[in-house]
Amino acid sequence: MSVKKLDAIIFGATGFTGQVVVEDAVDILKDFKWGIAGRNESKLKDVLVKVGKRTQQDLSNIPIILADVNDQKSIEDMAKKCKIVLNCCGPYRFYGEVVVKACIDAGTHHVDVSGEPQYFNGMQLKYNDLAKQNGSYVVSTCAFESVPSELGVQYAEKNFPGTVNSVELYWESRNNSQDKSSKAILHTGTWESAIYAMAHAREMLALEKKLNSEKIPSFSPKLWMRPYVHQTEGLKSYFAPFPVTDRNVVQRSQRLAYLHDNKRPIQFEMYIGMKSLLMALLLPVFLLFATIMANIGFTRKLLLKYPHIFSGGLMTHEGPLEVNRKATEFRYTLKAKGWTSDTPQSAPPNKEIVVRVSGKDPGYGITSCALLFCAKTILKEHNKMPGKGGVLPPGFAFAKTNLMDEIGSYKTGLKFEVIKQ
């Protein structure tokens, strides 16, 4: 007798991010049958006990599946037991492909919280056709990178009275915690992913070149990244260019929208804000220094071994205290420029609107919320997604779904607002 599939399995449930996802799943996936997976049964049971106490619910009936990335058959068996895998097991450069391949072979959907361009670009090049053939949606960066920026661009376009040419995103954050015993904001898993991404930057550029091999028209006026520190109207911070994962993902979504729907792509650039001019000037220097170290074997080992030293205490093996997580706030201010409906696009852009996306606990709370709602959206609204499957960025995958409304109305989700119309 065949056993009915679970709706979802959270893989990597014993990790720092995985445990946050399990706790949020108690509410967000309450109408679905879900389970957790990992390689250590006792630790998985401990997670359910711990989360059960925090949520005051009996989780003893939540299925536990044993799966190890070093045991391919166990991963394949896991993928066959559900409709979608929520993969929290990184760095994905090392542990991601075996899960993606197993899901696609089983016709199972897959979402993850990767911020590693080499990984998700590589998966698209390698498995997109097979995913389409097998009816499997594989969507990476369903996390703080890059759901808020993807949805922010969509929200700006939704409120724009015409055609959007470009969006510039300005990122500001602050921590209001009164607990000064630790200033950690991220677990070292995020640090490791960033170091390996820097170490293989050339590979990332080569993959992007392959992905963008199909020529598209050049749209004007061209939006150029400002390579210098600057301020912008309405904000007090000093902003430096920050071409991280979000930029790559948003631009990829816009490119796919043009290729599939002949929709004019929105040009996108991103900047990060600092309280002082000096900090903003030093940021590019720090990133350059870290990239050089990441590309040298010996110094890369030092970066990985002593993250708390090289990150100034912001990254630790223990991860951030919950009080610090909850006290961390972010806001994205997006400035969209384009043409009103009655203005020809041959003329200079004549309209600007400003929108904002904000929230708390971006590294883990927003990441968990985004991952779960992306998974829920695939389960409920896959008929509104492009084609029958594929390896896709979230902005393109969920453009015609209700993801923005779902995550915007959730108690710990994202807040969307128009600042200037």
Protein backbone atom coordinates (compact mmCIF):
# COMPACT_ATOMS: atom_id res chain seq x y z
CA MET A 1 0.00 0.00 0.00
CA SER A 2 1.44 3.37 -1.01
CA VAL A 3 2.01 6.01 1.66
CA LYS A 4 0.58 9.47 1.00
CA LYS A 5 3.26 12.13 0.36
CA LEU A 6 3.92 14.88 2.83
CA ASP A 7 3.31 18.37 1.51
CA ALA A 8 6.70 19.65 2.67
CA ILE A 9 9.92 18.53 4.33
CA ILE A 10 12.32 20.96 6.03
CA PHE A 11 15.79 19.55 5.34
CA GLY A 12 18.65 20.70 7.60
CA ALA A 13 16.22 21.26 10.45
CA THR A 14 18.89 21.02 13.17
CA GLY A 15 20.97 23.92 11.80
CA PHE A 16 20.69 27.47 13.10
CA THR A 17 18.45 28.65 10.25
CA GLY A 18 16.62 25.33 10.06
CA GLN A 19 15.45 25.58 13.67
CA VAL A 20 14.00 29.06 13.06
CA VAL A 21 12.19 27.72 9.99
CA VAL A 22 10.74 24.78 11.96
CA GLU A 23 9.38 27.16 14.61
CA ASP A 24 7.74 29.42 12.03
CA ALA A 25 6.39 26.41 10.11
CA VAL A 26 4.18 25.54 13.09
CA ASP A 27 2.02 28.54 12.14
CA ILE A 28 2.71 29.19 8.45
CA LEU A 29 2.32 25.54 7.39
CA LYS A 30 -0.44 24.71 9.88
CA ASP A 31 -2.80 23.71 7.07
CA PHE A 32 -0.26 21.36 5.48
CA LYS A 33 1.27 18.01 6.34
CA TRP A 34 4.98 18.62 6.89
CA GLY A 35 8.01 16.91 8.36
CA ILE A 36 11.65 17.57 9.18
CA ALA A 37 14.80 15.89 7.91
CA GLY A 38 18.48 15.64 8.75
CA ARG A 39 21.16 13.08 9.49
CA ASN A 40 20.84 12.84 13.28
CA GLU A 41 17.58 11.45 14.64
CA SER A 42 18.18 12.44 18.27
CA LYS A 43 18.97 16.04 17.31
CA LEU A 44 15.85 16.18 15.13
CA LYS A 45 13.75 14.97 18.05
CA ASP A 46 15.37 17.59 20.27
CA VAL A 47 14.41 20.30 17.78
CA LEU A 48 10.76 19.23 17.91
CA VAL A 49 10.79 19.19 21.71
CA LYS A 50 12.43 22.62 21.88
CA VAL A 51 10.09 24.17 19.31
CA GLY A 52 7.09 22.48 20.90
CA LYS A 53 7.88 24.13 24.22
CA ARG A 54 8.38 27.55 22.61
CA THR A 55 5.13 27.34 20.63
CA GLN A 56 3.22 25.47 23.35
CA GLN A 57 2.19 22.78 20.89
CA ASP A 58 2.61 19.02 20.79
CA LEU A 59 4.87 18.28 17.81
CA SER A 60 5.39 14.60 18.54
CA ASN A 61 3.35 13.72 15.44
CA ILE A 62 5.64 15.63 13.06
CA PRO A 63 7.35 13.03 10.84
CA ILE A 64 11.14 12.70 11.05
CA ILE A 65 13.08 11.64 7.95
CA LEU A 66 16.73 10.66 8.07
CA ALA A 67 18.68 12.11 5.15
CA ASP A 68 22.39 12.86 4.68
CA VAL A 69 24.00 14.71 1.77
CA ASN A 70 26.80 12.12 1.86
CA ASP A 71 24.25 9.34 1.32
CA GLN A 72 22.66 9.96 -2.07
CA LYS A 73 20.00 7.26 -1.69
CA SER A 74 18.75 8.82 1.56
CA ILE A 75 18.38 12.18 -0.23
CA GLU A 76 16.54 10.52 -3.11
CA ASP A 77 14.21 8.74 -0.69
CA MET A 78 13.50 12.03 1.10
CA ALA A 79 12.66 13.80 -2.17
CA LYS A 80 10.14 11.06 -3.06
CA LYS A 81 8.30 11.51 0.24
CA CYS A 82 7.06 15.06 -0.30
CA LYS A 83 5.80 17.63 -2.77
CA ILE A 84 8.44 20.23 -1.87
CA VAL A 85 11.77 20.26 -0.01
CA LEU A 86 12.74 23.37 1.95
CA ASN A 87 16.52 23.05 1.88
CA CYS A 88 18.31 24.77 4.79
CA CYS A 89 21.55 22.77 4.44
CA GLY A 90 24.47 24.89 3.20
CA PRO A 91 26.97 25.95 2.04
CA TYR A 92 25.07 25.00 -1.09
CA ARG A 93 28.21 24.99 -3.19
CA PHE A 94 29.10 21.72 -1.46
CA TYR A 95 25.76 20.30 -0.35
CA GLY A 96 23.12 21.76 -2.67
CA GLU A 97 23.34 19.93 -5.98
CA VAL A 98 22.64 16.44 -4.67
CA VAL A 99 19.35 17.68 -3.16
CA VAL A 100 18.34 19.66 -6.27
CA LYS A 101 19.03 16.68 -8.55
CA ALA A 102 17.09 14.28 -6.31
CA CYS A 103 14.10 16.63 -6.21
CA ILE A 104 14.03 17.13 -9.97
CA ASP A 105 14.34 13.38 -10.63
CA ALA A 106 11.38 12.80 -8.28
CA GLY A 107 9.29 15.61 -9.78
CA THR A 108 9.45 17.35 -6.39
CA HIS A 109 9.73 21.11 -5.94
CA HIS A 110 12.71 22.67 -4.15
CA VAL A 111 13.32 26.01 -2.42
CA ASP A 112 16.38 27.14 -0.47
CA VAL A 113 17.96 30.12 1.28
CA SER A 114 21.16 30.21 -0.74
CA GLY A 115 22.89 33.51 -1.41
CA GLU A 116 25.58 31.84 -3.54
CA PRO A 117 25.47 32.95 -7.22
CA GLN A 118 27.81 30.16 -8.37
CA TYR A 119 25.42 27.58 -6.96
CA PHE A 120 22.07 28.85 -8.22
CA ASN A 121 23.40 30.00 -11.60
CA GLY A 122 25.07 26.63 -12.01
CA MET A 123 21.86 24.80 -11.15
CA GLN A 124 19.93 26.81 -13.72
CA LEU A 125 22.42 26.04 -16.47
CA LYS A 126 22.61 22.38 -15.58
CA TYR A 127 19.06 21.43 -14.63
CA ASN A 128 16.56 23.97 -16.00
CA ASP A 129 15.50 21.82 -18.97
CA LEU A 130 15.17 18.67 -16.86
CA ALA A 131 13.16 20.54 -14.21
CA LYS A 132 10.75 21.76 -16.91
CA GLN A 133 10.44 18.24 -18.27
CA ASN A 134 9.71 16.73 -14.85
CA GLY A 135 7.39 19.51 -13.63
CA SER A 136 9.68 20.56 -10.78
CA TYR A 137 10.08 24.17 -9.66
CA VAL A 138 13.51 24.91 -8.18
CA VAL A 139 13.72 28.40 -6.66
CA SER A 140 16.82 29.60 -4.79
CA THR A 141 17.45 32.79 -2.74
CA CYS A 142 14.06 32.48 -1.04
CA ALA A 143 15.43 34.42 1.92
CA PHE A 144 16.42 37.93 2.96
CA GLU A 145 18.53 37.51 -0.14
CA SER A 146 16.59 38.11 -2.35
CA VAL A 147 12.84 38.13 -1.66
CA PRO A 148 12.53 41.67 -0.17
CA SER A 149 14.40 43.25 -3.09
CA GLU A 150 12.52 41.21 -5.71
CA LEU A 151 9.16 42.08 -4.16
CA GLY A 152 10.26 45.68 -3.63
CA VAL A 153 10.84 46.10 -7.36
CA GLN A 154 7.44 44.53 -8.06
CA TYR A 155 5.77 46.80 -5.51
CA ALA A 156 7.38 49.89 -7.07
CA GLU A 157 6.17 48.83 -10.51
CA LYS A 158 2.69 48.05 -9.17
CA ASN A 159 2.38 51.62 -7.84
CA PHE A 160 4.03 53.37 -10.78
CA PRO A 161 1.62 55.32 -13.06
CA GLY A 162 3.25 54.22 -16.30
CA THR A 163 6.41 52.36 -17.32
CA VAL A 164 9.39 51.90 -15.01
CA ASN A 165 12.86 52.29 -16.51
CA SER A 166 15.04 51.85 -13.43
CA VAL A 167 15.04 51.19 -9.69
CA GLU A 168 17.79 52.12 -7.24
CA LEU A 169 17.61 50.39 -3.85
CA TYR A 170 19.07 51.97 -0.70
CA TRP A 171 19.56 49.58 2.23
CA GLU A 172 19.67 50.83 5.82
CA SER A 173 19.67 48.78 9.03
CA ARG A 174 20.00 49.29 12.77
CA ASN A 175 20.04 47.26 15.97
CA ASN A 176 18.07 48.55 18.95
CA SER A 177 19.10 45.80 21.37
CA GLN A 178 19.97 46.77 24.93
CA ASP A 179 21.96 43.54 25.42
CA LYS A 180 25.60 44.40 24.71
CA SER A 181 27.03 41.00 25.75
CA SER A 182 27.25 39.97 22.09
CA LYS A 183 27.12 41.97 18.87
CA ALA A 184 26.83 38.93 16.60
CA ILE A 185 24.21 39.34 13.89
CA LEU A 186 24.80 36.20 11.80
CA HIS A 187 25.81 32.57 12.18
CA THR A 188 29.08 31.46 10.55
CA GLY A 189 27.19 29.44 7.92
CA THR A 190 26.45 32.74 6.16
CA TRP A 191 30.09 33.78 6.52
CA GLU A 192 31.32 30.52 4.96
CA SER A 193 29.00 30.93 1.98
CA ALA A 194 30.27 34.49 1.43
CA ILE A 195 33.94 33.46 1.65
CA TYR A 196 33.54 30.67 -0.90
CA ALA A 197 31.59 33.02 -3.19
CA MET A 198 34.48 35.50 -3.08
CA ALA A 199 37.00 32.71 -3.68
CA HIS A 200 35.22 31.68 -6.86
CA ALA A 201 34.21 35.08 -8.24
CA ARG A 202 35.68 34.29 -11.66
CA GLU A 203 33.53 31.20 -11.88
CA MET A 204 30.48 33.32 -11.09
CA LEU A 205 31.28 35.72 -13.94
CA ALA A 206 31.72 32.82 -16.37
CA LEU A 207 28.37 31.34 -15.37
CA GLU A 208 26.64 34.71 -15.76
CA LYS A 209 28.10 35.03 -19.24
CA LYS A 210 26.65 31.66 -20.21
CA LEU A 211 23.25 32.48 -18.70
CA ASN A 212 23.13 35.81 -20.53
CA SER A 213 24.29 34.45 -23.88
CA GLU A 214 20.94 35.24 -25.51
CA LYS A 215 21.12 38.84 -26.70
CA ILE A 216 18.42 41.34 -25.71
CA PRO A 217 18.02 44.95 -26.87
CA SER A 218 19.72 47.76 -25.02
CA PHE A 219 17.24 49.98 -23.21
CA SER A 220 17.83 53.65 -22.48
CA PRO A 221 18.48 55.71 -20.57
CA LYS A 222 21.07 53.34 -19.16
CA LEU A 223 21.28 53.01 -15.38
CA TRP A 224 24.91 52.90 -14.23
CA MET A 225 26.11 51.82 -10.83
CA ARG A 226 27.56 54.78 -8.92
CA PRO A 227 31.04 53.55 -7.92
CA TYR A 228 31.45 56.25 -5.29
CA VAL A 229 30.03 57.02 -1.85
CA HIS A 230 27.05 59.33 -2.03
CA GLN A 231 23.91 60.51 -0.27
CA THR A 232 20.41 60.55 -1.66
CA GLU A 233 17.44 62.82 -1.05
CA GLY A 234 15.33 61.91 1.98
CA LEU A 235 17.91 59.65 3.67
CA LYS A 236 20.70 60.58 6.09
CA SER A 237 23.06 57.63 5.54
CA TYR A 238 26.15 57.58 3.33
CA PHE A 239 25.72 54.93 0.63
CA ALA A 240 28.30 52.71 -1.03
CA PRO A 241 27.75 50.35 -3.97
CA PHE A 242 26.82 46.86 -2.80
CA PRO A 243 26.56 44.49 -5.78
CA VAL A 244 25.63 41.42 -3.77
CA THR A 245 23.34 38.50 -4.61
CA ASP A 246 20.18 40.63 -4.84
CA ARG A 247 21.50 42.59 -7.81
CA ASN A 248 22.31 39.41 -9.72
CA VAL A 249 18.93 37.85 -8.91
CA VAL A 250 16.76 40.89 -9.68
CA GLN A 251 18.51 41.48 -12.99
CA ARG A 252 18.06 37.80 -13.88
CA SER A 253 14.33 37.95 -13.10
CA GLN A 254 13.94 41.04 -15.27
CA ARG A 255 15.83 39.42 -18.13
CA LEU A 256 13.64 36.32 -18.00
CA ALA A 257 10.48 38.47 -17.95
CA TYR A 258 11.64 40.05 -21.20
CA LEU A 259 12.60 36.76 -22.86
CA HIS A 260 9.39 34.97 -21.86
CA ASP A 261 6.79 37.77 -21.81
CA ASN A 262 8.45 40.50 -23.91
CA LYS A 263 8.18 42.80 -20.88
CA ARG A 264 10.54 45.75 -20.73
CA PRO A 265 13.21 44.86 -18.11
CA ILE A 266 13.63 47.19 -15.14
CA GLN A 267 17.26 48.19 -14.63
CA PHE A 268 18.41 47.72 -11.03
CA GLU A 269 21.27 48.83 -8.78
CA MET A 270 21.75 48.53 -5.02
CA TYR A 271 23.57 50.50 -2.33
CA ILE A 272 24.16 49.97 1.40
CA GLY A 273 24.03 52.80 3.93
CA MET A 274 26.50 53.64 6.68
CA LYS A 275 26.11 56.12 9.54
CA SER A 276 29.39 57.89 8.79
CA LEU A 277 31.27 58.89 5.66
CA LEU A 278 34.39 57.11 6.90
CA MET A 279 32.59 53.78 7.32
CA ALA A 280 31.13 54.06 3.84
CA LEU A 281 34.56 54.80 2.36
CA LEU A 282 36.15 51.86 4.21
CA LEU A 283 33.52 49.29 3.16
CA PRO A 284 34.84 48.76 -0.40
CA VAL A 285 38.36 48.48 1.03
CA PHE A 286 37.21 45.79 3.48
CA LEU A 287 35.41 43.87 0.72
CA LEU A 288 38.47 44.02 -1.54
CA PHE A 289 40.74 42.87 1.29
CA ALA A 290 38.36 39.99 2.15
CA THR A 291 38.18 38.93 -1.51
CA ILE A 292 41.98 38.82 -1.81
CA MET A 293 42.23 36.76 1.38
CA ALA A 294 39.47 34.41 0.19
CA ASN A 295 41.43 33.67 -2.99
CA ILE A 296 44.58 32.58 -1.12
CA GLY A 297 44.42 29.12 0.43
CA PHE A 298 46.16 29.90 3.71
CA THR A 299 44.34 33.15 4.43
CA ARG A 300 41.03 31.62 3.35
CA LYS A 301 41.49 28.99 6.08
CA LEU A 302 42.06 31.78 8.59
CA LEU A 303 38.88 33.54 7.50
CA LEU A 304 36.89 30.33 7.93
CA LYS A 305 38.49 29.40 11.25
CA TYR A 306 38.23 32.80 12.95
CA PRO A 307 35.06 34.47 11.61
CA HIS A 308 34.49 36.40 14.84
CA ILE A 309 37.88 38.11 14.48
CA PHE A 310 37.69 39.04 10.80
CA SER A 311 34.05 40.14 11.01
CA GLY A 312 34.62 42.23 14.13
CA GLY A 313 32.40 39.93 16.18
CA LEU A 314 29.43 40.14 13.80
CA MET A 315 29.72 36.45 12.79
CA THR A 316 30.10 33.67 15.36
CA HIS A 317 29.78 29.89 15.53
CA GLU A 318 27.05 30.31 18.15
CA GLY A 319 25.05 32.77 16.03
CA PRO A 320 23.23 35.88 17.27
CA LEU A 321 21.31 36.07 20.52
CA GLU A 322 17.57 36.03 19.97
CA VAL A 323 17.22 39.42 21.63
CA ASN A 324 19.68 40.89 19.11
CA ARG A 325 17.94 39.20 16.19
CA LYS A 326 14.55 40.57 17.18
CA ALA A 327 15.98 44.07 17.72
CA THR A 328 17.56 44.28 14.27
CA GLU A 329 15.54 46.29 11.76
CA PHE A 330 16.08 46.97 8.08
CA ARG A 331 14.49 49.15 5.46
CA TYR A 332 14.89 49.21 1.71
CA THR A 333 14.08 52.54 0.09
CA LEU A 334 13.51 52.03 -3.63
CA LYS A 335 13.50 54.94 -6.07
CA ALA A 336 11.77 54.07 -9.33
CA LYS A 337 12.08 56.30 -12.39
CA GLY A 338 10.23 56.06 -15.68
CA TRP A 339 7.51 57.53 -17.85
CA THR A 340 3.89 58.36 -17.14
CA SER A 341 1.35 56.66 -19.39
CA ASP A 342 0.98 59.69 -21.64
CA THR A 343 4.73 60.20 -22.20
CA PRO A 344 6.66 58.52 -25.05
CA GLN A 345 9.64 56.42 -23.94
CA SER A 346 11.81 58.27 -26.44
CA ALA A 347 11.62 61.28 -24.10
CA PRO A 348 13.62 61.53 -20.83
CA PRO A 349 11.94 59.85 -17.84
CA ASN A 350 9.48 62.29 -16.29
CA LYS A 351 8.28 60.50 -13.15
CA GLU A 352 9.81 59.18 -9.92
CA ILE A 353 8.12 57.37 -7.07
CA VAL A 354 9.67 56.14 -3.82
CA VAL A 355 8.53 53.00 -2.01
CA ARG A 356 9.82 51.22 1.06
CA VAL A 357 10.12 47.60 2.20
CA SER A 358 10.95 47.06 5.86
CA GLY A 359 10.97 44.44 8.58
CA LYS A 360 12.71 43.00 11.65
CA ASP A 361 15.21 40.17 12.12
CA PRO A 362 16.20 40.09 8.44
CA GLY A 363 18.91 37.44 8.72
CA TYR A 364 16.66 34.77 10.21
CA GLY A 365 13.08 35.92 10.85
CA ILE A 366 12.54 37.37 7.36
CA THR A 367 14.58 34.56 5.80
CA SER A 368 12.42 31.92 7.49
CA CYS A 369 9.20 33.73 6.65
CA ALA A 370 10.23 34.16 3.01
CA LEU A 371 11.26 30.52 2.59
CA LEU A 372 8.03 29.20 4.07
CA PHE A 373 5.76 31.51 2.09
CA CYS A 374 7.62 30.72 -1.13
CA ALA A 375 7.08 27.02 -0.46
CA LYS A 376 3.44 27.61 0.45
CA THR A 377 2.95 29.63 -2.76
CA ILE A 378 4.31 26.80 -4.90
CA LEU A 379 2.01 24.33 -3.17
CA LYS A 380 -1.07 26.53 -3.60
CA GLU A 381 -0.43 28.57 -6.75
CA HIS A 382 1.95 26.64 -9.01
CA ASN A 383 -0.62 27.07 -11.80
CA LYS A 384 0.17 30.82 -11.74
CA MET A 385 3.92 30.26 -12.12
CA PRO A 386 5.82 30.26 -15.46
CA GLY A 387 5.45 27.08 -17.50
CA LYS A 388 5.28 23.72 -15.73
CA GLY A 389 8.61 23.88 -13.92
CA GLY A 390 12.20 25.11 -14.15
CA VAL A 391 15.10 26.53 -12.16
CA LEU A 392 14.00 30.12 -11.59
CA PRO A 393 14.76 33.25 -9.52
CA PRO A 394 11.95 34.24 -7.12
CA GLY A 395 10.99 37.51 -8.81
CA PHE A 396 10.20 35.75 -12.07
CA ALA A 397 8.82 32.58 -10.46
CA PHE A 398 6.28 34.36 -8.22
CA ALA A 399 5.51 37.50 -10.24
CA LYS A 400 1.88 36.50 -10.91
CA THR A 401 1.15 34.89 -7.54
CA ASN A 402 -0.10 36.32 -4.25
CA LEU A 403 3.29 36.00 -2.51
CA MET A 404 3.58 39.76 -1.90
CA ASP A 405 0.16 39.94 -0.24
CA GLU A 406 0.79 36.80 1.83
CA ILE A 407 4.15 37.87 3.22
CA GLY A 408 3.00 41.48 3.56
CA SER A 409 0.02 40.56 5.75
CA TYR A 410 1.89 38.14 8.03
CA LYS A 411 2.61 39.32 11.59
CA THR A 412 6.41 39.04 11.24
CA GLY A 413 6.58 39.51 7.47
CA LEU A 414 7.42 42.49 5.30
CA LYS A 415 5.90 45.96 5.38
CA PHE A 416 5.30 47.66 2.01
CA GLU A 417 4.54 51.36 1.75
CA VAL A 418 4.58 54.22 -0.77
CA ILE A 419 6.74 57.10 0.46
CA LYS A 420 6.45 59.44 -2.52
CA GLN A 421 3.86 59.10 -5.28
